[in-house]
Amino acid sequence: DIRKLIDEYSAGRRLLQKETVTLYE
């Protein structure tokens, strides 16, 4: 779910994209 939120914001260049492995870490 966090991944979905990040994807929504990063698509609009409002948030940096993060690798899923980084989110788990």
PDBML (XML) file of the C-alpha atoms, coordinates in Angstrom:
<?xml version="1.0" encoding="UTF-8" ?>
<PDBx:datablock datablockName="MODEL"
   xmlns:PDBx="http://pdbml.pdb.org/schema/pdbx-v50.xsd"
   xmlns:xsi="http://www.w3.org/2001/XMLSchema-instance"
   xsi:schemaLocation="http://pdbml.pdb.org/schema/pdbx-v50.xsd pdbx-v50.xsd">
   <PDBx:atom_siteCategory>
      <PDBx:atom_site id="1">
         <PDBx:B_iso_or_equiv>0.00</PDBx:B_iso_or_equiv>
         <PDBx:Cartn_x>0.000</PDBx:Cartn_x>
         <PDBx:Cartn_y>0.000</PDBx:Cartn_y>
         <PDBx:Cartn_z>0.000</PDBx:Cartn_z>
         <PDBx:auth_asym_id>A</PDBx:auth_asym_id>
         <PDBx:auth_atom_id>CA</PDBx:auth_atom_id>
         <PDBx:auth_comp_id>ASP</PDBx:auth_comp_id>
         <PDBx:auth_seq_id>1</PDBx:auth_seq_id>
         <PDBx:group_PDB>ATOM</PDBx:group_PDB>
         <PDBx:label_alt_id xsi:nil="true" />
         <PDBx:label_asym_id>A</PDBx:label_asym_id>
         <PDBx:label_atom_id>CA</PDBx:label_atom_id>
         <PDBx:label_comp_id>ASP</PDBx:label_comp_id>
         <PDBx:label_entity_id>1</PDBx:label_entity_id>
         <PDBx:label_seq_id>1</PDBx:label_seq_id>
         <PDBx:occupancy>1.00</PDBx:occupancy>
         <PDBx:pdbx_PDB_model_num>1</PDBx:pdbx_PDB_model_num>
         <PDBx:type_symbol>C</PDBx:type_symbol>
      </PDBx:atom_site>
      <PDBx:atom_site id="2">
         <PDBx:B_iso_or_equiv>0.00</PDBx:B_iso_or_equiv>
         <PDBx:Cartn_x>2.896</PDBx:Cartn_x>
         <PDBx:Cartn_y>2.366</PDBx:Cartn_y>
         <PDBx:Cartn_z>0.745</PDBx:Cartn_z>
         <PDBx:auth_asym_id>A</PDBx:auth_asym_id>
         <PDBx:auth_atom_id>CA</PDBx:auth_atom_id>
         <PDBx:auth_comp_id>ILE</PDBx:auth_comp_id>
         <PDBx:auth_seq_id>2</PDBx:auth_seq_id>
         <PDBx:group_PDB>ATOM</PDBx:group_PDB>
         <PDBx:label_alt_id xsi:nil="true" />
         <PDBx:label_asym_id>A</PDBx:label_asym_id>
         <PDBx:label_atom_id>CA</PDBx:label_atom_id>
         <PDBx:label_comp_id>ILE</PDBx:label_comp_id>
         <PDBx:label_entity_id>1</PDBx:label_entity_id>
         <PDBx:label_seq_id>2</PDBx:label_seq_id>
         <PDBx:occupancy>1.00</PDBx:occupancy>
         <PDBx:pdbx_PDB_model_num>1</PDBx:pdbx_PDB_model_num>
         <PDBx:type_symbol>C</PDBx:type_symbol>
      </PDBx:atom_site>
      <PDBx:atom_site id="3">
         <PDBx:B_iso_or_equiv>0.00</PDBx:B_iso_or_equiv>
         <PDBx:Cartn_x>4.291</PDBx:Cartn_x>
         <PDBx:Cartn_y>1.489</PDBx:Cartn_y>
         <PDBx:Cartn_z>-2.699</PDBx:Cartn_z>
         <PDBx:auth_asym_id>A</PDBx:auth_asym_id>
         <PDBx:auth_atom_id>CA</PDBx:auth_atom_id>
         <PDBx:auth_comp_id>ARG</PDBx:auth_comp_id>
         <PDBx:auth_seq_id>3</PDBx:auth_seq_id>
         <PDBx:group_PDB>ATOM</PDBx:group_PDB>
         <PDBx:label_alt_id xsi:nil="true" />
         <PDBx:label_asym_id>A</PDBx:label_asym_id>
         <PDBx:label_atom_id>CA</PDBx:label_atom_id>
         <PDBx:label_comp_id>ARG</PDBx:label_comp_id>
         <PDBx:label_entity_id>1</PDBx:label_entity_id>
         <PDBx:label_seq_id>3</PDBx:label_seq_id>
         <PDBx:occupancy>1.00</PDBx:occupancy>
         <PDBx:pdbx_PDB_model_num>1</PDBx:pdbx_PDB_model_num>
         <PDBx:type_symbol>C</PDBx:type_symbol>
      </PDBx:atom_site>
      <PDBx:atom_site id="4">
         <PDBx:B_iso_or_equiv>0.00</PDBx:B_iso_or_equiv>
         <PDBx:Cartn_x>0.953</PDBx:Cartn_x>
         <PDBx:Cartn_y>2.538</PDBx:Cartn_y>
         <PDBx:Cartn_z>-4.301</PDBx:Cartn_z>
         <PDBx:auth_asym_id>A</PDBx:auth_asym_id>
         <PDBx:auth_atom_id>CA</PDBx:auth_atom_id>
         <PDBx:auth_comp_id>LYS</PDBx:auth_comp_id>
         <PDBx:auth_seq_id>4</PDBx:auth_seq_id>
         <PDBx:group_PDB>ATOM</PDBx:group_PDB>
         <PDBx:label_alt_id xsi:nil="true" />
         <PDBx:label_asym_id>A</PDBx:label_asym_id>
         <PDBx:label_atom_id>CA</PDBx:label_atom_id>
         <PDBx:label_comp_id>LYS</PDBx:label_comp_id>
         <PDBx:label_entity_id>1</PDBx:label_entity_id>
         <PDBx:label_seq_id>4</PDBx:label_seq_id>
         <PDBx:occupancy>1.00</PDBx:occupancy>
         <PDBx:pdbx_PDB_model_num>1</PDBx:pdbx_PDB_model_num>
         <PDBx:type_symbol>C</PDBx:type_symbol>
      </PDBx:atom_site>
      <PDBx:atom_site id="5">
         <PDBx:B_iso_or_equiv>0.00</PDBx:B_iso_or_equiv>
         <PDBx:Cartn_x>0.992</PDBx:Cartn_x>
         <PDBx:Cartn_y>5.890</PDBx:Cartn_y>
         <PDBx:Cartn_z>-2.505</PDBx:Cartn_z>
         <PDBx:auth_asym_id>A</PDBx:auth_asym_id>
         <PDBx:auth_atom_id>CA</PDBx:auth_atom_id>
         <PDBx:auth_comp_id>LEU</PDBx:auth_comp_id>
         <PDBx:auth_seq_id>5</PDBx:auth_seq_id>
         <PDBx:group_PDB>ATOM</PDBx:group_PDB>
         <PDBx:label_alt_id xsi:nil="true" />
         <PDBx:label_asym_id>A</PDBx:label_asym_id>
         <PDBx:label_atom_id>CA</PDBx:label_atom_id>
         <PDBx:label_comp_id>LEU</PDBx:label_comp_id>
         <PDBx:label_entity_id>1</PDBx:label_entity_id>
         <PDBx:label_seq_id>5</PDBx:label_seq_id>
         <PDBx:occupancy>1.00</PDBx:occupancy>
         <PDBx:pdbx_PDB_model_num>1</PDBx:pdbx_PDB_model_num>
         <PDBx:type_symbol>C</PDBx:type_symbol>
      </PDBx:atom_site>
      <PDBx:atom_site id="6">
         <PDBx:B_iso_or_equiv>0.00</PDBx:B_iso_or_equiv>
         <PDBx:Cartn_x>4.600</PDBx:Cartn_x>
         <PDBx:Cartn_y>6.545</PDBx:Cartn_y>
         <PDBx:Cartn_z>-3.536</PDBx:Cartn_z>
         <PDBx:auth_asym_id>A</PDBx:auth_asym_id>
         <PDBx:auth_atom_id>CA</PDBx:auth_atom_id>
         <PDBx:auth_comp_id>ILE</PDBx:auth_comp_id>
         <PDBx:auth_seq_id>6</PDBx:auth_seq_id>
         <PDBx:group_PDB>ATOM</PDBx:group_PDB>
         <PDBx:label_alt_id xsi:nil="true" />
         <PDBx:label_asym_id>A</PDBx:label_asym_id>
         <PDBx:label_atom_id>CA</PDBx:label_atom_id>
         <PDBx:label_comp_id>ILE</PDBx:label_comp_id>
         <PDBx:label_entity_id>1</PDBx:label_entity_id>
         <PDBx:label_seq_id>6</PDBx:label_seq_id>
         <PDBx:occupancy>1.00</PDBx:occupancy>
         <PDBx:pdbx_PDB_model_num>1</PDBx:pdbx_PDB_model_num>
         <PDBx:type_symbol>C</PDBx:type_symbol>
      </PDBx:atom_site>
      <PDBx:atom_site id="7">
         <PDBx:B_iso_or_equiv>0.00</PDBx:B_iso_or_equiv>
         <PDBx:Cartn_x>3.847</PDBx:Cartn_x>
         <PDBx:Cartn_y>5.602</PDBx:Cartn_y>
         <PDBx:Cartn_z>-7.141</PDBx:Cartn_z>
         <PDBx:auth_asym_id>A</PDBx:auth_asym_id>
         <PDBx:auth_atom_id>CA</PDBx:auth_atom_id>
         <PDBx:auth_comp_id>ASP</PDBx:auth_comp_id>
         <PDBx:auth_seq_id>7</PDBx:auth_seq_id>
         <PDBx:group_PDB>ATOM</PDBx:group_PDB>
         <PDBx:label_alt_id xsi:nil="true" />
         <PDBx:label_asym_id>A</PDBx:label_asym_id>
         <PDBx:label_atom_id>CA</PDBx:label_atom_id>
         <PDBx:label_comp_id>ASP</PDBx:label_comp_id>
         <PDBx:label_entity_id>1</PDBx:label_entity_id>
         <PDBx:label_seq_id>7</PDBx:label_seq_id>
         <PDBx:occupancy>1.00</PDBx:occupancy>
         <PDBx:pdbx_PDB_model_num>1</PDBx:pdbx_PDB_model_num>
         <PDBx:type_symbol>C</PDBx:type_symbol>
      </PDBx:atom_site>
      <PDBx:atom_site id="8">
         <PDBx:B_iso_or_equiv>0.00</PDBx:B_iso_or_equiv>
         <PDBx:Cartn_x>0.911</PDBx:Cartn_x>
         <PDBx:Cartn_y>8.022</PDBx:Cartn_y>
         <PDBx:Cartn_z>-7.218</PDBx:Cartn_z>
         <PDBx:auth_asym_id>A</PDBx:auth_asym_id>
         <PDBx:auth_atom_id>CA</PDBx:auth_atom_id>
         <PDBx:auth_comp_id>GLU</PDBx:auth_comp_id>
         <PDBx:auth_seq_id>8</PDBx:auth_seq_id>
         <PDBx:group_PDB>ATOM</PDBx:group_PDB>
         <PDBx:label_alt_id xsi:nil="true" />
         <PDBx:label_asym_id>A</PDBx:label_asym_id>
         <PDBx:label_atom_id>CA</PDBx:label_atom_id>
         <PDBx:label_comp_id>GLU</PDBx:label_comp_id>
         <PDBx:label_entity_id>1</PDBx:label_entity_id>
         <PDBx:label_seq_id>8</PDBx:label_seq_id>
         <PDBx:occupancy>1.00</PDBx:occupancy>
         <PDBx:pdbx_PDB_model_num>1</PDBx:pdbx_PDB_model_num>
         <PDBx:type_symbol>C</PDBx:type_symbol>
      </PDBx:atom_site>
      <PDBx:atom_site id="9">
         <PDBx:B_iso_or_equiv>0.00</PDBx:B_iso_or_equiv>
         <PDBx:Cartn_x>3.029</PDBx:Cartn_x>
         <PDBx:Cartn_y>10.902</PDBx:Cartn_y>
         <PDBx:Cartn_z>-5.935</PDBx:Cartn_z>
         <PDBx:auth_asym_id>A</PDBx:auth_asym_id>
         <PDBx:auth_atom_id>CA</PDBx:auth_atom_id>
         <PDBx:auth_comp_id>TYR</PDBx:auth_comp_id>
         <PDBx:auth_seq_id>9</PDBx:auth_seq_id>
         <PDBx:group_PDB>ATOM</PDBx:group_PDB>
         <PDBx:label_alt_id xsi:nil="true" />
         <PDBx:label_asym_id>A</PDBx:label_asym_id>
         <PDBx:label_atom_id>CA</PDBx:label_atom_id>
         <PDBx:label_comp_id>TYR</PDBx:label_comp_id>
         <PDBx:label_entity_id>1</PDBx:label_entity_id>
         <PDBx:label_seq_id>9</PDBx:label_seq_id>
         <PDBx:occupancy>1.00</PDBx:occupancy>
         <PDBx:pdbx_PDB_model_num>1</PDBx:pdbx_PDB_model_num>
         <PDBx:type_symbol>C</PDBx:type_symbol>
      </PDBx:atom_site>
      <PDBx:atom_site id="10">
         <PDBx:B_iso_or_equiv>0.00</PDBx:B_iso_or_equiv>
         <PDBx:Cartn_x>6.194</PDBx:Cartn_x>
         <PDBx:Cartn_y>10.098</PDBx:Cartn_y>
         <PDBx:Cartn_z>-7.888</PDBx:Cartn_z>
         <PDBx:auth_asym_id>A</PDBx:auth_asym_id>
         <PDBx:auth_atom_id>CA</PDBx:auth_atom_id>
         <PDBx:auth_comp_id>SER</PDBx:auth_comp_id>
         <PDBx:auth_seq_id>10</PDBx:auth_seq_id>
         <PDBx:group_PDB>ATOM</PDBx:group_PDB>
         <PDBx:label_alt_id xsi:nil="true" />
         <PDBx:label_asym_id>A</PDBx:label_asym_id>
         <PDBx:label_atom_id>CA</PDBx:label_atom_id>
         <PDBx:label_comp_id>SER</PDBx:label_comp_id>
         <PDBx:label_entity_id>1</PDBx:label_entity_id>
         <PDBx:label_seq_id>10</PDBx:label_seq_id>
         <PDBx:occupancy>1.00</PDBx:occupancy>
         <PDBx:pdbx_PDB_model_num>1</PDBx:pdbx_PDB_model_num>
         <PDBx:type_symbol>C</PDBx:type_symbol>
      </PDBx:atom_site>
      <PDBx:atom_site id="11">
         <PDBx:B_iso_or_equiv>0.00</PDBx:B_iso_or_equiv>
         <PDBx:Cartn_x>4.243</PDBx:Cartn_x>
         <PDBx:Cartn_y>9.979</PDBx:Cartn_y>
         <PDBx:Cartn_z>-11.167</PDBx:Cartn_z>
         <PDBx:auth_asym_id>A</PDBx:auth_asym_id>
         <PDBx:auth_atom_id>CA</PDBx:auth_atom_id>
         <PDBx:auth_comp_id>ALA</PDBx:auth_comp_id>
         <PDBx:auth_seq_id>11</PDBx:auth_seq_id>
         <PDBx:group_PDB>ATOM</PDBx:group_PDB>
         <PDBx:label_alt_id xsi:nil="true" />
         <PDBx:label_asym_id>A</PDBx:label_asym_id>
         <PDBx:label_atom_id>CA</PDBx:label_atom_id>
         <PDBx:label_comp_id>ALA</PDBx:label_comp_id>
         <PDBx:label_entity_id>1</PDBx:label_entity_id>
         <PDBx:label_seq_id>11</PDBx:label_seq_id>
         <PDBx:occupancy>1.00</PDBx:occupancy>
         <PDBx:pdbx_PDB_model_num>1</PDBx:pdbx_PDB_model_num>
         <PDBx:type_symbol>C</PDBx:type_symbol>
      </PDBx:atom_site>
      <PDBx:atom_site id="12">
         <PDBx:B_iso_or_equiv>0.00</PDBx:B_iso_or_equiv>
         <PDBx:Cartn_x>3.479</PDBx:Cartn_x>
         <PDBx:Cartn_y>13.663</PDBx:Cartn_y>
         <PDBx:Cartn_z>-10.586</PDBx:Cartn_z>
         <PDBx:auth_asym_id>A</PDBx:auth_asym_id>
         <PDBx:auth_atom_id>CA</PDBx:auth_atom_id>
         <PDBx:auth_comp_id>GLY</PDBx:auth_comp_id>
         <PDBx:auth_seq_id>12</PDBx:auth_seq_id>
         <PDBx:group_PDB>ATOM</PDBx:group_PDB>
         <PDBx:label_alt_id xsi:nil="true" />
         <PDBx:label_asym_id>A</PDBx:label_asym_id>
         <PDBx:label_atom_id>CA</PDBx:label_atom_id>
         <PDBx:label_comp_id>GLY</PDBx:label_comp_id>
         <PDBx:label_entity_id>1</PDBx:label_entity_id>
         <PDBx:label_seq_id>12</PDBx:label_seq_id>
         <PDBx:occupancy>1.00</PDBx:occupancy>
         <PDBx:pdbx_PDB_model_num>1</PDBx:pdbx_PDB_model_num>
         <PDBx:type_symbol>C</PDBx:type_symbol>
      </PDBx:atom_site>
      <PDBx:atom_site id="13">
         <PDBx:B_iso_or_equiv>0.00</PDBx:B_iso_or_equiv>
         <PDBx:Cartn_x>7.105</PDBx:Cartn_x>
         <PDBx:Cartn_y>14.348</PDBx:Cartn_y>
         <PDBx:Cartn_z>-9.576</PDBx:Cartn_z>
         <PDBx:auth_asym_id>A</PDBx:auth_asym_id>
         <PDBx:auth_atom_id>CA</PDBx:auth_atom_id>
         <PDBx:auth_comp_id>ARG</PDBx:auth_comp_id>
         <PDBx:auth_seq_id>13</PDBx:auth_seq_id>
         <PDBx:group_PDB>ATOM</PDBx:group_PDB>
         <PDBx:label_alt_id xsi:nil="true" />
         <PDBx:label_asym_id>A</PDBx:label_asym_id>
         <PDBx:label_atom_id>CA</PDBx:label_atom_id>
         <PDBx:label_comp_id>ARG</PDBx:label_comp_id>
         <PDBx:label_entity_id>1</PDBx:label_entity_id>
         <PDBx:label_seq_id>13</PDBx:label_seq_id>
         <PDBx:occupancy>1.00</PDBx:occupancy>
         <PDBx:pdbx_PDB_model_num>1</PDBx:pdbx_PDB_model_num>
         <PDBx:type_symbol>C</PDBx:type_symbol>
      </PDBx:atom_site>
      <PDBx:atom_site id="14">
         <PDBx:B_iso_or_equiv>0.00</PDBx:B_iso_or_equiv>
         <PDBx:Cartn_x>5.996</PDBx:Cartn_x>
         <PDBx:Cartn_y>15.301</PDBx:Cartn_y>
         <PDBx:Cartn_z>-6.065</PDBx:Cartn_z>
         <PDBx:auth_asym_id>A</PDBx:auth_asym_id>
         <PDBx:auth_atom_id>CA</PDBx:auth_atom_id>
         <PDBx:auth_comp_id>ARG</PDBx:auth_comp_id>
         <PDBx:auth_seq_id>14</PDBx:auth_seq_id>
         <PDBx:group_PDB>ATOM</PDBx:group_PDB>
         <PDBx:label_alt_id xsi:nil="true" />
         <PDBx:label_asym_id>A</PDBx:label_asym_id>
         <PDBx:label_atom_id>CA</PDBx:label_atom_id>
         <PDBx:label_comp_id>ARG</PDBx:label_comp_id>
         <PDBx:label_entity_id>1</PDBx:label_entity_id>
         <PDBx:label_seq_id>14</PDBx:label_seq_id>
         <PDBx:occupancy>1.00</PDBx:occupancy>
         <PDBx:pdbx_PDB_model_num>1</PDBx:pdbx_PDB_model_num>
         <PDBx:type_symbol>C</PDBx:type_symbol>
      </PDBx:atom_site>
      <PDBx:atom_site id="15">
         <PDBx:B_iso_or_equiv>0.00</PDBx:B_iso_or_equiv>
         <PDBx:Cartn_x>7.949</PDBx:Cartn_x>
         <PDBx:Cartn_y>12.490</PDBx:Cartn_y>
         <PDBx:Cartn_z>-4.407</PDBx:Cartn_z>
         <PDBx:auth_asym_id>A</PDBx:auth_asym_id>
         <PDBx:auth_atom_id>CA</PDBx:auth_atom_id>
         <PDBx:auth_comp_id>LEU</PDBx:auth_comp_id>
         <PDBx:auth_seq_id>15</PDBx:auth_seq_id>
         <PDBx:group_PDB>ATOM</PDBx:group_PDB>
         <PDBx:label_alt_id xsi:nil="true" />
         <PDBx:label_asym_id>A</PDBx:label_asym_id>
         <PDBx:label_atom_id>CA</PDBx:label_atom_id>
         <PDBx:label_comp_id>LEU</PDBx:label_comp_id>
         <PDBx:label_entity_id>1</PDBx:label_entity_id>
         <PDBx:label_seq_id>15</PDBx:label_seq_id>
         <PDBx:occupancy>1.00</PDBx:occupancy>
         <PDBx:pdbx_PDB_model_num>1</PDBx:pdbx_PDB_model_num>
         <PDBx:type_symbol>C</PDBx:type_symbol>
      </PDBx:atom_site>
      <PDBx:atom_site id="16">
         <PDBx:B_iso_or_equiv>0.00</PDBx:B_iso_or_equiv>
         <PDBx:Cartn_x>11.080</PDBx:Cartn_x>
         <PDBx:Cartn_y>10.583</PDBx:Cartn_y>
         <PDBx:Cartn_z>-5.299</PDBx:Cartn_z>
         <PDBx:auth_asym_id>A</PDBx:auth_asym_id>
         <PDBx:auth_atom_id>CA</PDBx:auth_atom_id>
         <PDBx:auth_comp_id>LEU</PDBx:auth_comp_id>
         <PDBx:auth_seq_id>16</PDBx:auth_seq_id>
         <PDBx:group_PDB>ATOM</PDBx:group_PDB>
         <PDBx:label_alt_id xsi:nil="true" />
         <PDBx:label_asym_id>A</PDBx:label_asym_id>
         <PDBx:label_atom_id>CA</PDBx:label_atom_id>
         <PDBx:label_comp_id>LEU</PDBx:label_comp_id>
         <PDBx:label_entity_id>1</PDBx:label_entity_id>
         <PDBx:label_seq_id>16</PDBx:label_seq_id>
         <PDBx:occupancy>1.00</PDBx:occupancy>
         <PDBx:pdbx_PDB_model_num>1</PDBx:pdbx_PDB_model_num>
         <PDBx:type_symbol>C</PDBx:type_symbol>
      </PDBx:atom_site>
      <PDBx:atom_site id="17">
         <PDBx:B_iso_or_equiv>0.00</PDBx:B_iso_or_equiv>
         <PDBx:Cartn_x>10.594</PDBx:Cartn_x>
         <PDBx:Cartn_y>7.035</PDBx:Cartn_y>
         <PDBx:Cartn_z>-6.509</PDBx:Cartn_z>
         <PDBx:auth_asym_id>A</PDBx:auth_asym_id>
         <PDBx:auth_atom_id>CA</PDBx:auth_atom_id>
         <PDBx:auth_comp_id>GLN</PDBx:auth_comp_id>
         <PDBx:auth_seq_id>17</PDBx:auth_seq_id>
         <PDBx:group_PDB>ATOM</PDBx:group_PDB>
         <PDBx:label_alt_id xsi:nil="true" />
         <PDBx:label_asym_id>A</PDBx:label_asym_id>
         <PDBx:label_atom_id>CA</PDBx:label_atom_id>
         <PDBx:label_comp_id>GLN</PDBx:label_comp_id>
         <PDBx:label_entity_id>1</PDBx:label_entity_id>
         <PDBx:label_seq_id>17</PDBx:label_seq_id>
         <PDBx:occupancy>1.00</PDBx:occupancy>
         <PDBx:pdbx_PDB_model_num>1</PDBx:pdbx_PDB_model_num>
         <PDBx:type_symbol>C</PDBx:type_symbol>
      </PDBx:atom_site>
      <PDBx:atom_site id="18">
         <PDBx:B_iso_or_equiv>0.00</PDBx:B_iso_or_equiv>
         <PDBx:Cartn_x>11.923</PDBx:Cartn_x>
         <PDBx:Cartn_y>4.366</PDBx:Cartn_y>
         <PDBx:Cartn_z>-4.128</PDBx:Cartn_z>
         <PDBx:auth_asym_id>A</PDBx:auth_asym_id>
         <PDBx:auth_atom_id>CA</PDBx:auth_atom_id>
         <PDBx:auth_comp_id>LYS</PDBx:auth_comp_id>
         <PDBx:auth_seq_id>18</PDBx:auth_seq_id>
         <PDBx:group_PDB>ATOM</PDBx:group_PDB>
         <PDBx:label_alt_id xsi:nil="true" />
         <PDBx:label_asym_id>A</PDBx:label_asym_id>
         <PDBx:label_atom_id>CA</PDBx:label_atom_id>
         <PDBx:label_comp_id>LYS</PDBx:label_comp_id>
         <PDBx:label_entity_id>1</PDBx:label_entity_id>
         <PDBx:label_seq_id>18</PDBx:label_seq_id>
         <PDBx:occupancy>1.00</PDBx:occupancy>
         <PDBx:pdbx_PDB_model_num>1</PDBx:pdbx_PDB_model_num>
         <PDBx:type_symbol>C</PDBx:type_symbol>
      </PDBx:atom_site>
      <PDBx:atom_site id="19">
         <PDBx:B_iso_or_equiv>0.00</PDBx:B_iso_or_equiv>
         <PDBx:Cartn_x>12.814</PDBx:Cartn_x>
         <PDBx:Cartn_y>0.782</PDBx:Cartn_y>
         <PDBx:Cartn_z>-4.808</PDBx:Cartn_z>
         <PDBx:auth_asym_id>A</PDBx:auth_asym_id>
         <PDBx:auth_atom_id>CA</PDBx:auth_atom_id>
         <PDBx:auth_comp_id>GLU</PDBx:auth_comp_id>
         <PDBx:auth_seq_id>19</PDBx:auth_seq_id>
         <PDBx:group_PDB>ATOM</PDBx:group_PDB>
         <PDBx:label_alt_id xsi:nil="true" />
         <PDBx:label_asym_id>A</PDBx:label_asym_id>
         <PDBx:label_atom_id>CA</PDBx:label_atom_id>
         <PDBx:label_comp_id>GLU</PDBx:label_comp_id>
         <PDBx:label_entity_id>1</PDBx:label_entity_id>
         <PDBx:label_seq_id>19</PDBx:label_seq_id>
         <PDBx:occupancy>1.00</PDBx:occupancy>
         <PDBx:pdbx_PDB_model_num>1</PDBx:pdbx_PDB_model_num>
         <PDBx:type_symbol>C</PDBx:type_symbol>
      </PDBx:atom_site>
      <PDBx:atom_site id="20">
         <PDBx:B_iso_or_equiv>0.00</PDBx:B_iso_or_equiv>
         <PDBx:Cartn_x>10.524</PDBx:Cartn_x>
         <PDBx:Cartn_y>-1.713</PDBx:Cartn_y>
         <PDBx:Cartn_z>-3.108</PDBx:Cartn_z>
         <PDBx:auth_asym_id>A</PDBx:auth_asym_id>
         <PDBx:auth_atom_id>CA</PDBx:auth_atom_id>
         <PDBx:auth_comp_id>THR</PDBx:auth_comp_id>
         <PDBx:auth_seq_id>20</PDBx:auth_seq_id>
         <PDBx:group_PDB>ATOM</PDBx:group_PDB>
         <PDBx:label_alt_id xsi:nil="true" />
         <PDBx:label_asym_id>A</PDBx:label_asym_id>
         <PDBx:label_atom_id>CA</PDBx:label_atom_id>
         <PDBx:label_comp_id>THR</PDBx:label_comp_id>
         <PDBx:label_entity_id>1</PDBx:label_entity_id>
         <PDBx:label_seq_id>20</PDBx:label_seq_id>
         <PDBx:occupancy>1.00</PDBx:occupancy>
         <PDBx:pdbx_PDB_model_num>1</PDBx:pdbx_PDB_model_num>
         <PDBx:type_symbol>C</PDBx:type_symbol>
      </PDBx:atom_site>
      <PDBx:atom_site id="21">
         <PDBx:B_iso_or_equiv>0.00</PDBx:B_iso_or_equiv>
         <PDBx:Cartn_x>13.516</PDBx:Cartn_x>
         <PDBx:Cartn_y>-3.379</PDBx:Cartn_y>
         <PDBx:Cartn_z>-1.440</PDBx:Cartn_z>
         <PDBx:auth_asym_id>A</PDBx:auth_asym_id>
         <PDBx:auth_atom_id>CA</PDBx:auth_atom_id>
         <PDBx:auth_comp_id>VAL</PDBx:auth_comp_id>
         <PDBx:auth_seq_id>21</PDBx:auth_seq_id>
         <PDBx:group_PDB>ATOM</PDBx:group_PDB>
         <PDBx:label_alt_id xsi:nil="true" />
         <PDBx:label_asym_id>A</PDBx:label_asym_id>
         <PDBx:label_atom_id>CA</PDBx:label_atom_id>
         <PDBx:label_comp_id>VAL</PDBx:label_comp_id>
         <PDBx:label_entity_id>1</PDBx:label_entity_id>
         <PDBx:label_seq_id>21</PDBx:label_seq_id>
         <PDBx:occupancy>1.00</PDBx:occupancy>
         <PDBx:pdbx_PDB_model_num>1</PDBx:pdbx_PDB_model_num>
         <PDBx:type_symbol>C</PDBx:type_symbol>
      </PDBx:atom_site>
      <PDBx:atom_site id="22">
         <PDBx:B_iso_or_equiv>0.00</PDBx:B_iso_or_equiv>
         <PDBx:Cartn_x>14.394</PDBx:Cartn_x>
         <PDBx:Cartn_y>-0.004</PDBx:Cartn_y>
         <PDBx:Cartn_z>0.124</PDBx:Cartn_z>
         <PDBx:auth_asym_id>A</PDBx:auth_asym_id>
         <PDBx:auth_atom_id>CA</PDBx:auth_atom_id>
         <PDBx:auth_comp_id>THR</PDBx:auth_comp_id>
         <PDBx:auth_seq_id>22</PDBx:auth_seq_id>
         <PDBx:group_PDB>ATOM</PDBx:group_PDB>
         <PDBx:label_alt_id xsi:nil="true" />
         <PDBx:label_asym_id>A</PDBx:label_asym_id>
         <PDBx:label_atom_id>CA</PDBx:label_atom_id>
         <PDBx:label_comp_id>THR</PDBx:label_comp_id>
         <PDBx:label_entity_id>1</PDBx:label_entity_id>
         <PDBx:label_seq_id>22</PDBx:label_seq_id>
         <PDBx:occupancy>1.00</PDBx:occupancy>
         <PDBx:pdbx_PDB_model_num>1</PDBx:pdbx_PDB_model_num>
         <PDBx:type_symbol>C</PDBx:type_symbol>
      </PDBx:atom_site>
      <PDBx:atom_site id="23">
         <PDBx:B_iso_or_equiv>0.00</PDBx:B_iso_or_equiv>
         <PDBx:Cartn_x>10.868</PDBx:Cartn_x>
         <PDBx:Cartn_y>0.255</PDBx:Cartn_y>
         <PDBx:Cartn_z>1.539</PDBx:Cartn_z>
         <PDBx:auth_asym_id>A</PDBx:auth_asym_id>
         <PDBx:auth_atom_id>CA</PDBx:auth_atom_id>
         <PDBx:auth_comp_id>LEU</PDBx:auth_comp_id>
         <PDBx:auth_seq_id>23</PDBx:auth_seq_id>
         <PDBx:group_PDB>ATOM</PDBx:group_PDB>
         <PDBx:label_alt_id xsi:nil="true" />
         <PDBx:label_asym_id>A</PDBx:label_asym_id>
         <PDBx:label_atom_id>CA</PDBx:label_atom_id>
         <PDBx:label_comp_id>LEU</PDBx:label_comp_id>
         <PDBx:label_entity_id>1</PDBx:label_entity_id>
         <PDBx:label_seq_id>23</PDBx:label_seq_id>
         <PDBx:occupancy>1.00</PDBx:occupancy>
         <PDBx:pdbx_PDB_model_num>1</PDBx:pdbx_PDB_model_num>
         <PDBx:type_symbol>C</PDBx:type_symbol>
      </PDBx:atom_site>
      <PDBx:atom_site id="24">
         <PDBx:B_iso_or_equiv>0.00</PDBx:B_iso_or_equiv>
         <PDBx:Cartn_x>11.162</PDBx:Cartn_x>
         <PDBx:Cartn_y>-3.163</PDBx:Cartn_y>
         <PDBx:Cartn_z>3.164</PDBx:Cartn_z>
         <PDBx:auth_asym_id>A</PDBx:auth_asym_id>
         <PDBx:auth_atom_id>CA</PDBx:auth_atom_id>
         <PDBx:auth_comp_id>TYR</PDBx:auth_comp_id>
         <PDBx:auth_seq_id>24</PDBx:auth_seq_id>
         <PDBx:group_PDB>ATOM</PDBx:group_PDB>
         <PDBx:label_alt_id xsi:nil="true" />
         <PDBx:label_asym_id>A</PDBx:label_asym_id>
         <PDBx:label_atom_id>CA</PDBx:label_atom_id>
         <PDBx:label_comp_id>TYR</PDBx:label_comp_id>
         <PDBx:label_entity_id>1</PDBx:label_entity_id>
         <PDBx:label_seq_id>24</PDBx:label_seq_id>
         <PDBx:occupancy>1.00</PDBx:occupancy>
         <PDBx:pdbx_PDB_model_num>1</PDBx:pdbx_PDB_model_num>
         <PDBx:type_symbol>C</PDBx:type_symbol>
      </PDBx:atom_site>
      <PDBx:atom_site id="25">
         <PDBx:B_iso_or_equiv>0.00</PDBx:B_iso_or_equiv>
         <PDBx:Cartn_x>14.620</PDBx:Cartn_x>
         <PDBx:Cartn_y>-2.287</PDBx:Cartn_y>
         <PDBx:Cartn_z>4.519</PDBx:Cartn_z>
         <PDBx:auth_asym_id>A</PDBx:auth_asym_id>
         <PDBx:auth_atom_id>CA</PDBx:auth_atom_id>
         <PDBx:auth_comp_id>GLU</PDBx:auth_comp_id>
         <PDBx:auth_seq_id>25</PDBx:auth_seq_id>
         <PDBx:group_PDB>ATOM</PDBx:group_PDB>
         <PDBx:label_alt_id xsi:nil="true" />
         <PDBx:label_asym_id>A</PDBx:label_asym_id>
         <PDBx:label_atom_id>CA</PDBx:label_atom_id>
         <PDBx:label_comp_id>GLU</PDBx:label_comp_id>
         <PDBx:label_entity_id>1</PDBx:label_entity_id>
         <PDBx:label_seq_id>25</PDBx:label_seq_id>
         <PDBx:occupancy>1.00</PDBx:occupancy>
         <PDBx:pdbx_PDB_model_num>1</PDBx:pdbx_PDB_model_num>
         <PDBx:type_symbol>C</PDBx:type_symbol>
      </PDBx:atom_site>
   </PDBx:atom_siteCategory>
</PDBx:datablock>
